[in-house]
Amino acid sequence: MYYSQYTRFMRDPSGMRLSRDQFNTYDDVYNIACAVNAERMRRAAEEFESAALWMEELRQQGYFVYFDKDNHQYYRFSSPWQLEQLVKWGDILCFDGSHQVCGYVLF
């Protein structure tokens, strides 16, 4: 086998030289899918502007969007179904504390 910095070559039984580029792996497909999705989701080049455009689009679709005027940031949104459930079950309040419950604190 031949190795280079970027491409690994192998020889098949017929003696033909094969390149790594001829073999698609799961990671290749995953990376391409992520790149395509990121491009499709991006509304603007700057990430905060892109997020603001997303939130405005959601607001126009009937979502509740919370914008903090003091900090000029969007913090949360709720779908129409979530708002309906809040009206229906609003006397019961639950918090999901699973985000980073077991995470590490770095100093």
N, C-alpha and C. Protein backbone atom coordinates (compact mmCIF):
# COMPACT_ATOMS: atom_id res chain seq x y z
N MET A 1 0.84 -1.19 0.00
CA MET A 1 0.00 0.00 0.00
C MET A 1 0.88 1.25 0.00
N TYR A 2 0.38 2.28 -0.61
CA TYR A 2 1.07 3.55 -0.66
C TYR A 2 0.30 4.55 0.20
N TYR A 3 0.99 5.37 0.94
CA TYR A 3 0.35 6.38 1.78
C TYR A 3 0.86 7.76 1.40
N SER A 4 -0.02 8.72 1.44
CA SER A 4 0.37 10.11 1.28
C SER A 4 -0.34 10.88 2.37
N GLN A 5 -0.13 12.15 2.44
CA GLN A 5 -0.72 12.93 3.52
C GLN A 5 -2.25 12.95 3.41
N TYR A 6 -2.80 13.02 2.23
CA TYR A 6 -4.23 13.17 2.08
C TYR A 6 -4.93 11.95 1.50
N THR A 7 -4.25 11.15 0.75
CA THR A 7 -4.91 10.07 0.04
C THR A 7 -4.14 8.77 0.25
N ARG A 8 -4.87 7.73 0.56
CA ARG A 8 -4.26 6.42 0.70
C ARG A 8 -4.58 5.63 -0.56
N PHE A 9 -3.56 5.07 -1.16
CA PHE A 9 -3.76 4.28 -2.37
C PHE A 9 -3.64 2.81 -2.03
N MET A 10 -4.44 2.02 -2.71
CA MET A 10 -4.37 0.57 -2.55
C MET A 10 -4.28 -0.04 -3.94
N ARG A 11 -3.84 -1.25 -3.99
CA ARG A 11 -3.81 -1.96 -5.26
C ARG A 11 -4.85 -3.06 -5.22
N ASP A 12 -5.68 -3.12 -6.23
CA ASP A 12 -6.63 -4.23 -6.33
C ASP A 12 -5.94 -5.38 -7.06
N PRO A 13 -6.57 -6.56 -7.13
CA PRO A 13 -5.91 -7.73 -7.75
C PRO A 13 -5.48 -7.51 -9.19
N SER A 14 -6.15 -6.64 -9.93
CA SER A 14 -5.78 -6.42 -11.32
C SER A 14 -4.59 -5.48 -11.46
N GLY A 15 -4.11 -4.94 -10.33
CA GLY A 15 -2.97 -4.04 -10.37
C GLY A 15 -3.37 -2.59 -10.55
N MET A 16 -4.67 -2.30 -10.67
CA MET A 16 -5.15 -0.93 -10.84
C MET A 16 -4.99 -0.17 -9.51
N ARG A 17 -4.55 1.02 -9.61
CA ARG A 17 -4.36 1.83 -8.41
C ARG A 17 -5.69 2.45 -8.01
N LEU A 18 -6.10 2.25 -6.76
CA LEU A 18 -7.37 2.78 -6.27
C LEU A 18 -7.11 3.92 -5.30
N SER A 19 -7.92 4.95 -5.39
CA SER A 19 -7.79 6.10 -4.52
C SER A 19 -8.86 6.06 -3.44
N ARG A 20 -8.59 6.65 -2.31
CA ARG A 20 -9.57 6.79 -1.23
C ARG A 20 -10.81 7.53 -1.73
N ASP A 21 -10.63 8.40 -2.70
CA ASP A 21 -11.74 9.18 -3.24
C ASP A 21 -12.76 8.31 -3.97
N GLN A 22 -12.42 7.09 -4.29
CA GLN A 22 -13.35 6.19 -4.98
C GLN A 22 -14.26 5.43 -4.01
N PHE A 23 -14.06 5.61 -2.71
CA PHE A 23 -14.85 4.90 -1.72
C PHE A 23 -15.58 5.89 -0.83
N ASN A 24 -16.89 5.85 -0.82
CA ASN A 24 -17.68 6.72 0.05
C ASN A 24 -17.93 5.99 1.36
N THR A 25 -17.70 6.68 2.45
CA THR A 25 -17.98 6.11 3.76
C THR A 25 -19.17 6.83 4.37
N TYR A 26 -19.64 6.30 5.47
CA TYR A 26 -20.73 6.95 6.20
C TYR A 26 -20.34 8.38 6.58
N ASP A 27 -19.11 8.57 7.04
CA ASP A 27 -18.65 9.91 7.43
C ASP A 27 -18.68 10.89 6.26
N ASP A 28 -18.33 10.41 5.06
CA ASP A 28 -18.38 11.28 3.88
C ASP A 28 -19.81 11.75 3.62
N VAL A 29 -20.74 10.82 3.63
CA VAL A 29 -22.14 11.16 3.37
C VAL A 29 -22.67 12.08 4.47
N TYR A 30 -22.33 11.79 5.71
CA TYR A 30 -22.77 12.63 6.83
C TYR A 30 -22.23 14.06 6.68
N ASN A 31 -20.95 14.20 6.35
CA ASN A 31 -20.36 15.54 6.19
C ASN A 31 -21.00 16.31 5.04
N ILE A 32 -21.30 15.63 3.95
CA ILE A 32 -21.96 16.28 2.82
C ILE A 32 -23.37 16.72 3.21
N ALA A 33 -24.10 15.84 3.90
CA ALA A 33 -25.46 16.17 4.34
C ALA A 33 -25.45 17.37 5.28
N CYS A 34 -24.50 17.42 6.20
CA CYS A 34 -24.39 18.56 7.12
C CYS A 34 -24.09 19.85 6.37
N ALA A 35 -23.21 19.78 5.41
CA ALA A 35 -22.86 20.98 4.63
C ALA A 35 -24.05 21.48 3.83
N VAL A 36 -24.79 20.56 3.22
CA VAL A 36 -25.96 20.94 2.43
C VAL A 36 -27.03 21.54 3.34
N ASN A 37 -27.29 20.89 4.48
CA ASN A 37 -28.29 21.41 5.42
C ASN A 37 -27.90 22.78 5.96
N ALA A 38 -26.63 22.96 6.29
CA ALA A 38 -26.18 24.25 6.80
C ALA A 38 -26.39 25.35 5.77
N GLU A 39 -26.11 25.02 4.53
CA GLU A 39 -26.29 26.01 3.45
C GLU A 39 -27.77 26.34 3.24
N ARG A 40 -28.62 25.33 3.32
CA ARG A 40 -30.05 25.54 3.12
C ARG A 40 -30.68 26.31 4.28
N MET A 41 -30.15 26.10 5.49
CA MET A 41 -30.74 26.74 6.67
C MET A 41 -30.26 28.17 6.87
N ARG A 42 -29.10 28.49 6.36
CA ARG A 42 -28.52 29.81 6.58
C ARG A 42 -29.33 30.86 5.84
N ARG A 43 -29.79 31.85 6.58
CA ARG A 43 -30.57 32.93 5.98
C ARG A 43 -29.72 34.16 5.67
N ALA A 44 -28.56 34.25 6.33
CA ALA A 44 -27.63 35.37 6.12
C ALA A 44 -26.23 34.87 6.48
N ALA A 45 -25.23 35.58 6.02
CA ALA A 45 -23.86 35.17 6.27
C ALA A 45 -23.49 35.27 7.75
N GLU A 46 -23.99 36.27 8.42
CA GLU A 46 -23.70 36.47 9.84
C GLU A 46 -24.71 35.68 10.67
N GLU A 47 -24.25 34.91 11.65
CA GLU A 47 -25.12 33.97 12.35
C GLU A 47 -26.22 34.64 13.16
N PHE A 48 -25.96 35.77 13.80
CA PHE A 48 -27.01 36.44 14.56
C PHE A 48 -28.09 37.01 13.64
N GLU A 49 -27.67 37.53 12.52
CA GLU A 49 -28.64 38.03 11.54
C GLU A 49 -29.46 36.87 10.98
N SER A 50 -28.82 35.75 10.73
CA SER A 50 -29.51 34.57 10.23
C SER A 50 -30.55 34.08 11.24
N ALA A 51 -30.17 34.04 12.52
CA ALA A 51 -31.11 33.62 13.57
C ALA A 51 -32.29 34.57 13.67
N ALA A 52 -32.01 35.88 13.56
CA ALA A 52 -33.09 36.87 13.61
C ALA A 52 -34.05 36.68 12.44
N LEU A 53 -33.52 36.40 11.27
CA LEU A 53 -34.39 36.17 10.10
C LEU A 53 -35.23 34.90 10.29
N TRP A 54 -34.63 33.86 10.88
CA TRP A 54 -35.39 32.65 11.17
C TRP A 54 -36.53 32.95 12.14
N MET A 55 -36.23 33.69 13.21
CA MET A 55 -37.26 34.00 14.21
C MET A 55 -38.38 34.84 13.61
N GLU A 56 -38.04 35.77 12.75
CA GLU A 56 -39.07 36.58 12.10
C GLU A 56 -39.94 35.72 11.20
N GLU A 57 -39.32 34.79 10.50
CA GLU A 57 -40.08 33.87 9.65
C GLU A 57 -41.03 33.00 10.48
N LEU A 58 -40.55 32.53 11.62
CA LEU A 58 -41.41 31.74 12.52
C LEU A 58 -42.56 32.58 13.05
N ARG A 59 -42.26 33.84 13.41
CA ARG A 59 -43.32 34.73 13.91
C ARG A 59 -44.42 34.91 12.88
N GLN A 60 -44.02 35.06 11.62
CA GLN A 60 -45.00 35.22 10.55
C GLN A 60 -45.83 33.96 10.32
N GLN A 61 -45.28 32.81 10.73
CA GLN A 61 -46.01 31.54 10.60
C GLN A 61 -46.91 31.25 11.80
N GLY A 62 -46.99 32.19 12.74
CA GLY A 62 -47.87 32.02 13.89
C GLY A 62 -47.19 31.53 15.15
N TYR A 63 -45.88 31.42 15.15
CA TYR A 63 -45.16 31.02 16.35
C TYR A 63 -45.06 32.20 17.30
N PHE A 64 -45.04 31.91 18.60
CA PHE A 64 -44.76 32.94 19.58
C PHE A 64 -43.24 33.05 19.66
N VAL A 65 -42.73 34.26 19.52
CA VAL A 65 -41.29 34.50 19.53
C VAL A 65 -40.99 35.53 20.61
N TYR A 66 -40.05 35.20 21.48
CA TYR A 66 -39.66 36.12 22.54
C TYR A 66 -38.38 36.85 22.15
N PHE A 67 -38.47 38.16 22.09
CA PHE A 67 -37.32 39.01 21.76
C PHE A 67 -37.02 39.90 22.95
N ASP A 68 -35.80 39.83 23.46
CA ASP A 68 -35.37 40.65 24.58
C ASP A 68 -34.89 41.99 24.03
N LYS A 69 -35.70 43.02 24.23
CA LYS A 69 -35.37 44.34 23.66
C LYS A 69 -34.15 44.96 24.32
N ASP A 70 -33.91 44.65 25.59
CA ASP A 70 -32.74 45.22 26.28
C ASP A 70 -31.43 44.70 25.70
N ASN A 71 -31.39 43.41 25.39
CA ASN A 71 -30.17 42.80 24.88
C ASN A 71 -30.19 42.60 23.37
N HIS A 72 -31.29 42.93 22.74
CA HIS A 72 -31.46 42.78 21.30
C HIS A 72 -31.16 41.35 20.84
N GLN A 73 -31.75 40.37 21.56
CA GLN A 73 -31.56 38.97 21.22
C GLN A 73 -32.88 38.22 21.30
N TYR A 74 -33.00 37.22 20.43
CA TYR A 74 -34.12 36.30 20.50
C TYR A 74 -33.73 35.16 21.44
N TYR A 75 -34.66 34.78 22.32
CA TYR A 75 -34.33 33.74 23.27
C TYR A 75 -35.14 32.46 23.10
N ARG A 76 -36.37 32.57 22.70
CA ARG A 76 -37.17 31.35 22.61
C ARG A 76 -38.32 31.54 21.63
N PHE A 77 -38.87 30.41 21.26
CA PHE A 77 -40.06 30.43 20.43
C PHE A 77 -40.92 29.24 20.81
N SER A 78 -42.22 29.35 20.54
CA SER A 78 -43.16 28.27 20.81
C SER A 78 -44.07 28.12 19.61
N SER A 79 -44.34 26.89 19.26
CA SER A 79 -45.23 26.62 18.14
C SER A 79 -46.67 26.89 18.55
N PRO A 80 -47.56 27.06 17.58
CA PRO A 80 -48.97 27.24 17.92
C PRO A 80 -49.51 26.08 18.77
N TRP A 81 -49.09 24.85 18.49
CA TRP A 81 -49.55 23.70 19.27
C TRP A 81 -49.06 23.81 20.72
N GLN A 82 -47.80 24.24 20.90
CA GLN A 82 -47.28 24.39 22.26
C GLN A 82 -48.05 25.46 23.03
N LEU A 83 -48.40 26.55 22.35
CA LEU A 83 -49.19 27.60 23.00
C LEU A 83 -50.57 27.09 23.37
N GLU A 84 -51.16 26.28 22.50
CA GLU A 84 -52.47 25.68 22.78
C GLU A 84 -52.39 24.79 24.03
N GLN A 85 -51.32 24.02 24.13
CA GLN A 85 -51.15 23.15 25.29
C GLN A 85 -50.92 23.97 26.56
N LEU A 86 -50.21 25.09 26.44
CA LEU A 86 -49.98 25.96 27.58
C LEU A 86 -51.30 26.53 28.09
N VAL A 87 -52.17 26.94 27.17
CA VAL A 87 -53.48 27.46 27.57
C VAL A 87 -54.30 26.35 28.24
N LYS A 88 -54.23 25.15 27.66
CA LYS A 88 -55.01 24.04 28.18
C LYS A 88 -54.49 23.55 29.52
N TRP A 89 -53.18 23.44 29.67
CA TRP A 89 -52.58 22.85 30.86
C TRP A 89 -51.73 23.86 31.63
N GLY A 90 -52.00 25.14 31.49
CA GLY A 90 -51.15 26.19 32.04
C GLY A 90 -51.01 26.20 33.54
N ASP A 91 -51.90 25.51 34.26
CA ASP A 91 -51.78 25.49 35.72
C ASP A 91 -50.75 24.46 36.19
N ILE A 92 -50.21 23.67 35.26
CA ILE A 92 -49.17 22.70 35.58
C ILE A 92 -47.89 23.19 34.92
N LEU A 93 -46.84 23.34 35.68
CA LEU A 93 -45.59 23.87 35.14
C LEU A 93 -44.49 22.83 35.32
N CYS A 94 -43.82 22.49 34.23
CA CYS A 94 -42.74 21.51 34.27
C CYS A 94 -41.51 22.11 33.60
N PHE A 95 -40.36 21.84 34.18
CA PHE A 95 -39.10 22.25 33.58
C PHE A 95 -38.32 21.01 33.21
N ASP A 96 -37.69 21.05 32.07
CA ASP A 96 -36.83 19.96 31.65
C ASP A 96 -35.40 20.36 32.01
N GLY A 97 -34.84 19.69 32.98
CA GLY A 97 -33.49 20.03 33.42
C GLY A 97 -32.44 19.08 32.88
N SER A 98 -32.73 18.41 31.78
CA SER A 98 -31.80 17.41 31.29
C SER A 98 -30.62 18.00 30.52
N HIS A 99 -30.70 19.23 30.12
CA HIS A 99 -29.62 19.83 29.33
C HIS A 99 -28.38 20.00 30.20
N GLN A 100 -27.33 19.31 29.88
CA GLN A 100 -26.03 19.36 30.55
C GLN A 100 -26.13 19.01 32.04
N VAL A 101 -27.07 18.14 32.41
CA VAL A 101 -27.17 17.72 33.81
C VAL A 101 -25.90 16.99 34.23
N CYS A 102 -25.38 16.17 33.35
CA CYS A 102 -24.18 15.41 33.66
C CYS A 102 -22.95 16.01 32.99
N GLY A 103 -23.05 17.24 32.57
CA GLY A 103 -21.94 17.86 31.85
C GLY A 103 -20.80 18.22 32.78
N TYR A 104 -19.67 18.50 32.19
CA TYR A 104 -18.49 18.86 32.94
C TYR A 104 -18.38 20.38 33.01
N VAL A 105 -17.88 20.85 34.11
CA VAL A 105 -17.64 22.28 34.26
C VAL A 105 -16.15 22.51 34.02
N LEU A 106 -15.85 23.38 33.06
CA LEU A 106 -14.45 23.67 32.75
C LEU A 106 -14.08 25.03 33.32
N PHE A 107 -12.96 25.09 33.96
CA PHE A 107 -12.50 26.36 34.54
C PHE A 107 -11.33 26.88 33.77
